[in-house]
Protein backbone atom coordinates (compact mmCIF):
# COMPACT_ATOMS: atom_id res chain seq x y z
CA MET A 1 -13.20 5.92 -20.50
CA ALA A 2 -10.84 7.41 -23.06
CA LYS A 3 -7.83 5.43 -24.23
CA LYS A 4 -4.83 6.01 -21.99
CA THR A 5 -1.91 7.72 -23.67
CA PHE A 6 1.46 8.79 -22.33
CA GLU A 7 0.30 12.40 -22.34
CA THR A 8 -2.94 11.73 -20.45
CA ALA A 9 -1.15 9.54 -17.92
CA LEU A 10 1.54 12.17 -17.36
CA SER A 11 -1.09 14.90 -16.98
CA ARG A 12 -2.97 12.82 -14.41
CA LEU A 13 0.28 12.07 -12.58
CA GLU A 14 1.01 15.81 -12.34
CA GLN A 15 -2.51 16.40 -11.03
CA ILE A 16 -2.04 13.72 -8.37
CA ALA A 17 1.29 15.25 -7.32
CA ASP A 18 -0.39 18.63 -6.91
CA GLU A 19 -3.20 17.08 -4.85
CA LEU A 20 -0.74 15.27 -2.60
CA GLU A 21 1.40 18.38 -2.17
CA SER A 22 -1.62 20.44 -1.11
CA GLY A 23 -1.89 18.45 2.11
CA ASP A 24 -5.69 18.69 2.04
CA LEU A 25 -6.32 14.95 1.62
CA SER A 26 -6.97 12.44 4.38
CA LEU A 27 -4.41 9.71 4.96
CA ASP A 28 -6.63 7.13 3.24
CA ALA A 29 -7.23 9.39 0.23
CA SER A 30 -3.50 10.21 0.05
CA LEU A 31 -2.60 6.52 0.00
CA LYS A 32 -5.10 5.86 -2.81
CA LYS A 33 -3.71 8.78 -4.84
CA PHE A 34 -0.16 7.60 -4.18
CA ASP A 35 -1.04 4.09 -5.38
CA GLU A 36 -2.63 5.50 -8.54
CA GLY A 37 0.45 7.67 -9.08
CA ILE A 38 2.79 4.70 -8.80
CA LYS A 39 0.78 2.82 -11.43
CA LEU A 40 0.79 5.84 -13.75
CA ALA A 41 4.53 6.35 -13.29
CA ASP A 42 5.11 2.70 -14.18
CA TYR A 43 2.92 3.07 -17.28
CA CYS A 44 4.81 6.20 -18.37
CA ASN A 45 8.16 4.51 -17.79
CA THR A 46 7.06 1.54 -19.91
CA LYS A 47 5.97 3.85 -22.74
CA LEU A 48 9.29 5.72 -22.63
CA THR A 49 11.22 2.44 -22.75
CA GLU A 50 9.17 1.35 -25.78
CA ALA A 51 9.87 4.67 -27.51
CA ARG A 52 13.60 4.37 -26.85
CA THR A 53 13.59 0.86 -28.31
CA LYS A 54 11.80 2.09 -31.44
CA VAL A 55 14.33 4.89 -31.88
CA ASP A 56 17.19 2.40 -31.54
CA ILE A 57 15.61 0.12 -34.16
CA LEU A 58 15.08 3.01 -36.58
CA LEU A 59 18.67 4.14 -36.16
CA GLU A 60 19.96 0.63 -36.81
CA LYS A 61 18.08 0.52 -40.13
CA ASN A 62 19.93 3.53 -41.46
CA ASP A 63 23.68 2.89 -41.65
CA THR A 64 24.49 6.56 -42.12
CA ILE A 65 23.16 7.58 -38.72
CA VAL A 66 25.37 7.00 -35.71
CA GLU A 67 23.46 5.90 -32.63
CA GLU A 68 24.08 7.79 -29.43
CA PRO A 69 22.79 6.13 -26.26
CA PHE A 70 20.22 7.90 -24.14
CA SER A 71 21.62 9.08 -20.83
CA ASP A 72 19.50 9.05 -17.69
CA LEU A 73 20.94 12.36 -16.51
CA ASP A 74 22.22 15.30 -18.48
CA GLU A 75 25.57 16.02 -16.86
CA SER A 76 25.06 19.76 -17.32
CA ASP A 77 21.99 19.60 -15.03
CA GLU A 78 23.87 18.27 -12.01
C-alpha cells in the first residue's frame, strides 16, 4: 500500500462522501465507510494541526514577520 499523505487521505474522504451520498450502499457497508471516513478526517485534522504548528515555529524564527493566528472560519463566508 502506498504511503498515506494528506492529499491521498482527503481524496479518499471525498470519495467516501460521494459513495455515502449516493444512497446505493447497504446499512452495513455505509457504517464501514462512515468509520473509515471518521479515521481519515482525524488523520487529516492531525496533519493540518502539525502544519499550523510548523508555520508558527517558522514565523517565530523570523522577527520581522508578524504572526497572525489562523481562524477557524473566515468571517466573510458566514
